[in-house]
Structure formats: structure tokens, C-alpha cells
């Protein structure tokens, strides 16, 4: 039942996006989809991406053509460099990005999406560039770079404040030349009311218990 409800919500949300794109006069799929296809054929990347999603969510009646049409419109949206299509394409290379030529392609796709304001792509770029662990792996992995990672995390937060945890985390990394503990703490506090930000909650609890940066407050830490 939960899955059906979720699917219905996604279906309704997609129809809303389509009707918004083609005009409020087309509030049902019988009217909206032909208008959307017409717009997509003019080269509109957003319309092309919505056509891909419409086939993916089976808004079209000819279900046997869904797979073929889905691929067709995805390629169109990708050729038009729609950010969501670029992000989706990058996922094909995620497990092979250890190879230099694959990594270059992976980063290129994400940068194209990020430069169009896609916060998710920016955040992924930050994670791709961020050195991990307690050692400098730049010699082994020359793309690891704190400065570039911080840059993309900052861009992600500008686009969507919900990505503040990643930026707060790297700003409080002692090895980061761009570190700013106070700004990192401010971002952590800004996230405390966001239920999904469990990592931020844990980090704040540790800070309240330690009492080094804010007054020690075990009650606040438990909360």
C-alpha cells in the first residue's frame, strides 16, 4: 500500500511538472503529453527529460514502447546536456572511476550538471575531490583536492542549503587548508532542526559534551 501511495504521488508530481511546462490549460495527460512531445521536438532539454520520465513512469498507454522511447528521450536530453540526464549518465561510470580516463569523463559530466546549478552534482563533485582518511593520498590520486572539494560543497549549499552537512564537515577537517571551524559549527547548528541530518546531530552532541567550542550541556547533547 505504501509503495502504491508513493507511486501515485510521483505520478501526480510528474504530471504537475509537465502541465507546468506546457501550460496550465493542459492539466490532464491526454492534453499535456502531445504538447510536451511537440515542445521536446523543438530541442527543449527540460521537455525532453520530462518525456523520458513520462515513459519511465508509464504515463503513456503504449507500454510495450516504453523502454525504447525512454532510451530515445534520455539520449535526446543527454545530447542537450540536461543536468539530470548528465547526472544519470555519470552513474554509469561510478564503479570504474578509479581509471584515469573514466574519472575524467565522470568529473566532466558532473561539472556540466553542476555548472547548471544542480546541487546534487555539486555535492558529488565535492565528495569526489575530497581526500579521505588520515593521510594525503594526492600522490596516488591526483584528483583529490581539499580546495576543489570545498569549492563544490560551497556551491552546493548556495544552490540548496540542505547540503550544508557536507560543507560543515569539510570545514571542520583539520587537514583542510580552507578550514573554518566557526563557520562549520554555524552550519551544524543550522541543521539541528532538519530531521534527516543525523550526522549533524551526532557531531553537535559530541561538541556539547566536550564543552570546548560551546558551553558544556549534557541535556542539549542528549536531545
Protein backbone atom coordinates (compact mmCIF):
# COMPACT_ATOMS: atom_id res chain seq x y z
CA UNK A 1 0.00 0.00 0.00
CA UNK A 2 2.84 2.34 0.87
CA UNK A 3 4.55 1.64 -2.45
CA UNK A 4 1.32 2.31 -4.35
CA UNK A 5 0.83 5.59 -2.48
CA UNK A 6 4.41 6.64 -3.22
CA UNK A 7 4.00 5.77 -6.91
CA UNK A 8 0.76 7.74 -7.08
CA UNK A 9 2.49 10.76 -5.55
CA UNK A 10 5.36 10.53 -8.04
CA UNK A 11 2.86 10.16 -10.89
CA UNK A 12 0.92 13.25 -9.74
CA UNK A 13 4.12 15.26 -9.23
CA UNK A 14 5.34 14.39 -12.73
CA UNK A 15 2.02 15.35 -14.30
CA UNK A 16 2.19 18.64 -12.39
CA UNK A 17 5.68 19.35 -13.78
CA UNK A 18 4.51 18.50 -17.30
CA UNK A 19 1.39 20.66 -17.11
CA UNK A 20 3.51 23.49 -15.70
CA UNK A 21 5.88 23.14 -18.65
CA UNK A 22 3.26 23.03 -21.40
CA UNK A 23 0.79 25.44 -19.80
CA UNK A 24 -1.92 25.24 -17.18
CA UNK A 25 -4.55 24.65 -19.86
CA UNK A 26 -3.21 21.10 -20.17
CA UNK A 27 -3.96 19.66 -16.75
CA UNK A 28 -4.50 16.04 -17.81
CA UNK A 29 -2.14 13.74 -19.63
CA UNK A 30 -4.36 13.35 -22.72
CA UNK A 31 -3.85 17.04 -23.47
CA UNK A 32 -0.43 17.55 -21.89
CA UNK A 33 1.65 14.74 -23.39
CA UNK A 34 1.18 15.66 -27.09
CA UNK A 35 2.07 19.27 -26.25
CA UNK A 36 5.11 18.11 -24.30
CA UNK A 37 6.31 15.93 -27.19
CA UNK A 38 5.86 18.84 -29.58
CA UNK A 39 7.96 21.04 -27.29
CA UNK A 40 10.59 18.31 -26.86
CA UNK A 41 10.94 18.01 -30.64
CA UNK A 42 11.93 21.68 -30.80
CA UNK A 43 15.04 20.82 -28.74
CA UNK A 44 13.82 21.91 -25.31
CA UNK A 45 16.01 19.89 -22.90
CA UNK A 46 13.57 20.09 -19.97
CA UNK A 47 10.73 18.83 -22.17
CA UNK A 48 12.97 16.01 -23.41
CA UNK A 49 13.84 14.99 -19.85
CA UNK A 50 10.17 15.07 -18.87
CA UNK A 51 9.36 12.88 -21.90
CA UNK A 52 11.94 10.37 -20.63
CA UNK A 53 10.39 10.42 -17.16
CA UNK A 54 6.88 10.16 -18.58
CA UNK A 55 7.82 6.92 -20.35
CA UNK A 56 9.70 5.72 -17.28
CA UNK A 57 6.60 6.24 -15.10
CA UNK A 58 4.35 4.75 -17.82
CA UNK A 59 2.24 7.82 -18.37
CA UNK A 60 1.89 6.69 -21.99
CA UNK A 61 -0.62 3.97 -22.84
CA UNK A 62 1.61 2.09 -25.30
CA UNK A 63 3.54 0.28 -22.59
CA UNK A 64 5.39 -2.02 -24.98
CA UNK A 65 7.18 1.04 -26.40
CA UNK A 66 8.16 2.47 -23.01
CA UNK A 67 11.68 1.04 -22.91
CA UNK A 68 12.53 2.11 -26.45
CA UNK A 69 11.03 5.57 -26.02
CA UNK A 70 12.63 6.01 -22.61
CA UNK A 71 16.09 5.43 -24.13
CA UNK A 72 15.30 7.68 -27.09
CA UNK A 73 14.31 10.66 -24.95
CA UNK A 74 17.11 10.08 -22.46
CA UNK A 75 19.64 10.33 -25.31
CA UNK A 76 17.94 13.49 -26.56
CA UNK A 77 18.08 15.07 -23.08
CA UNK A 78 21.71 13.97 -22.66
CA UNK A 79 22.70 15.43 -26.03
CA UNK A 80 21.01 18.68 -24.92
CA UNK A 81 23.04 18.45 -21.67
CA UNK A 82 20.07 18.50 -19.31
CA UNK A 83 21.60 18.39 -15.80
CA UNK A 84 19.52 15.42 -14.58
CA UNK A 85 20.45 13.44 -17.69
CA UNK A 86 24.12 14.29 -17.19
CA UNK A 87 23.90 13.19 -13.55
CA UNK A 88 22.18 9.94 -14.53
CA UNK A 89 24.81 9.26 -17.21
CA UNK A 90 27.62 9.85 -14.69
CA UNK A 91 26.28 7.00 -12.54
CA UNK A 92 27.25 4.55 -15.28
CA UNK A 93 30.90 5.26 -14.52
CA UNK A 94 30.83 5.39 -10.72
CA UNK A 95 32.34 1.92 -10.21
CA UNK A 96 35.11 2.45 -12.78
CA UNK A 97 36.12 5.98 -11.85
CA UNK A 98 39.42 4.66 -10.48
CA UNK A 99 40.65 4.56 -14.10
CA UNK A 100 42.03 7.99 -15.12
CA UNK A 101 40.18 8.23 -18.45
CA UNK A 102 36.88 7.15 -16.82
CA UNK A 103 37.41 9.56 -13.92
CA UNK A 104 37.94 12.42 -16.38
CA UNK A 105 34.65 11.62 -18.13
CA UNK A 106 32.85 11.18 -14.78
CA UNK A 107 34.03 14.58 -13.50
CA UNK A 108 33.26 16.26 -16.83
CA UNK A 109 29.62 15.10 -16.72
CA UNK A 110 29.21 16.21 -13.11
CA UNK A 111 30.81 19.59 -13.78
CA UNK A 112 28.45 20.23 -16.69
CA UNK A 113 25.49 19.45 -14.42
CA UNK A 114 26.97 21.42 -11.52
CA UNK A 115 27.60 24.47 -13.67
CA UNK A 116 23.88 24.49 -14.45
CA UNK A 117 23.09 24.73 -10.74
CA UNK A 118 22.42 21.06 -9.91
CA UNK A 119 23.19 20.86 -6.17
CA UNK A 120 23.39 17.06 -6.14
CA UNK A 121 26.05 17.07 -8.87
CA UNK A 122 28.00 19.75 -6.97
CA UNK A 123 27.89 17.72 -3.77
CA UNK A 124 29.05 14.57 -5.58
CA UNK A 125 31.93 16.57 -7.08
CA UNK A 126 32.89 17.70 -3.58
CA UNK A 127 32.95 14.09 -2.39
CA UNK A 128 34.92 13.02 -5.49
CA UNK A 129 37.63 15.61 -4.86
CA UNK A 130 37.75 15.26 -1.07
CA UNK A 131 40.76 13.37 0.34
CA UNK A 132 39.72 10.61 2.72
CA UNK A 133 41.39 9.22 5.82
CA UNK A 134 44.34 10.49 7.84
CA UNK A 135 46.86 10.67 5.05
CA UNK A 136 47.46 12.71 1.94
CA UNK A 137 46.52 10.46 -0.96
CA UNK A 138 47.15 13.14 -3.60
CA UNK A 139 50.21 11.32 -4.97
CA UNK A 140 48.20 8.15 -5.53
CA UNK A 141 45.03 10.00 -6.55
CA UNK A 142 45.93 13.36 -8.08
CA UNK A 143 42.27 14.44 -8.33
CA UNK A 144 41.94 14.51 -4.53
CA UNK A 145 41.98 18.17 -3.58
CA UNK A 146 40.60 19.84 -0.43
CA UNK A 147 40.34 23.24 -2.12
CA UNK A 148 38.30 21.93 -5.06
CA UNK A 149 36.16 19.82 -2.72
CA UNK A 150 35.39 22.83 -0.50
CA UNK A 151 34.61 24.96 -3.56
CA UNK A 152 32.00 22.49 -4.85
CA UNK A 153 30.45 21.93 -1.41
CA UNK A 154 30.06 25.71 -1.04
CA UNK A 155 28.41 25.89 -4.47
CA UNK A 156 26.05 23.06 -3.48
CA UNK A 157 24.97 24.91 -0.33
CA UNK A 158 24.36 28.10 -2.34
CA UNK A 159 22.04 26.08 -4.58
CA UNK A 160 20.39 24.11 -1.77
CA UNK A 161 21.05 24.68 1.99
CA UNK A 162 20.08 21.05 2.67
CA UNK A 163 23.62 20.14 1.56
CA UNK A 164 25.15 22.10 4.47
CA UNK A 165 26.28 18.96 6.33
CA UNK A 166 28.92 18.10 3.73
CA UNK A 167 30.31 21.64 3.82
CA UNK A 168 30.25 21.81 7.62
CA UNK A 169 32.10 18.51 7.78
CA UNK A 170 34.92 19.52 5.45
CA UNK A 171 35.26 22.99 7.01
CA UNK A 172 35.91 21.26 10.35
CA UNK A 173 38.53 18.93 8.85
CA UNK A 174 41.86 19.93 10.40
CA UNK A 175 43.78 18.92 7.27
CA UNK A 176 41.77 21.22 5.01
CA UNK A 177 43.66 24.42 4.12
CA UNK A 178 40.21 26.04 3.65
CA UNK A 179 39.08 25.02 7.16
CA UNK A 180 36.85 27.34 9.15
CA UNK A 181 35.73 25.76 12.43
CA UNK A 182 33.38 28.60 13.37
CA UNK A 183 31.55 28.57 10.05
CA UNK A 184 31.38 24.78 10.22
CA UNK A 185 29.80 25.00 13.68
CA UNK A 186 27.32 27.63 12.47
CA UNK A 187 26.26 25.29 9.66
CA UNK A 188 25.91 22.37 12.07
CA UNK A 189 23.63 24.43 14.30
CA UNK A 190 21.56 25.46 11.26
CA UNK A 191 20.98 21.75 10.55
CA UNK A 192 19.87 20.73 14.03
CA UNK A 193 16.17 21.09 13.19
CA UNK A 194 16.41 19.06 9.99
CA UNK A 195 15.34 15.53 10.94
CA UNK A 196 17.31 13.81 8.18
CA UNK A 197 20.66 15.35 9.18
CA UNK A 198 21.57 12.59 11.64
CA UNK A 199 25.32 13.07 11.14
CA UNK A 200 24.99 16.73 12.14
CA UNK A 201 23.02 15.74 15.25
CA UNK A 202 25.75 13.33 16.34
CA UNK A 203 28.50 15.88 15.73
CA UNK A 204 26.64 18.56 17.71
CA UNK A 205 26.07 16.12 20.58
CA UNK A 206 29.84 15.49 20.73
CA UNK A 207 30.52 19.24 20.75
CA UNK A 208 28.04 19.85 23.61
CA UNK A 209 29.57 17.01 25.63
CA UNK A 210 33.16 18.20 25.06
CA UNK A 211 32.31 21.79 26.04
CA UNK A 212 35.29 23.18 24.13
CA UNK A 213 33.50 25.25 21.48
CA UNK A 214 30.14 25.84 23.20
CA UNK A 215 29.20 25.67 26.90
CA UNK A 216 29.08 22.06 28.05
CA UNK A 217 25.44 20.97 28.10
CA UNK A 218 24.68 17.28 28.54
CA UNK A 219 20.91 17.88 28.35
CA UNK A 220 21.32 19.51 24.93
CA UNK A 221 23.61 16.66 23.87
CA UNK A 222 21.03 14.03 24.85
CA UNK A 223 18.31 15.97 22.99
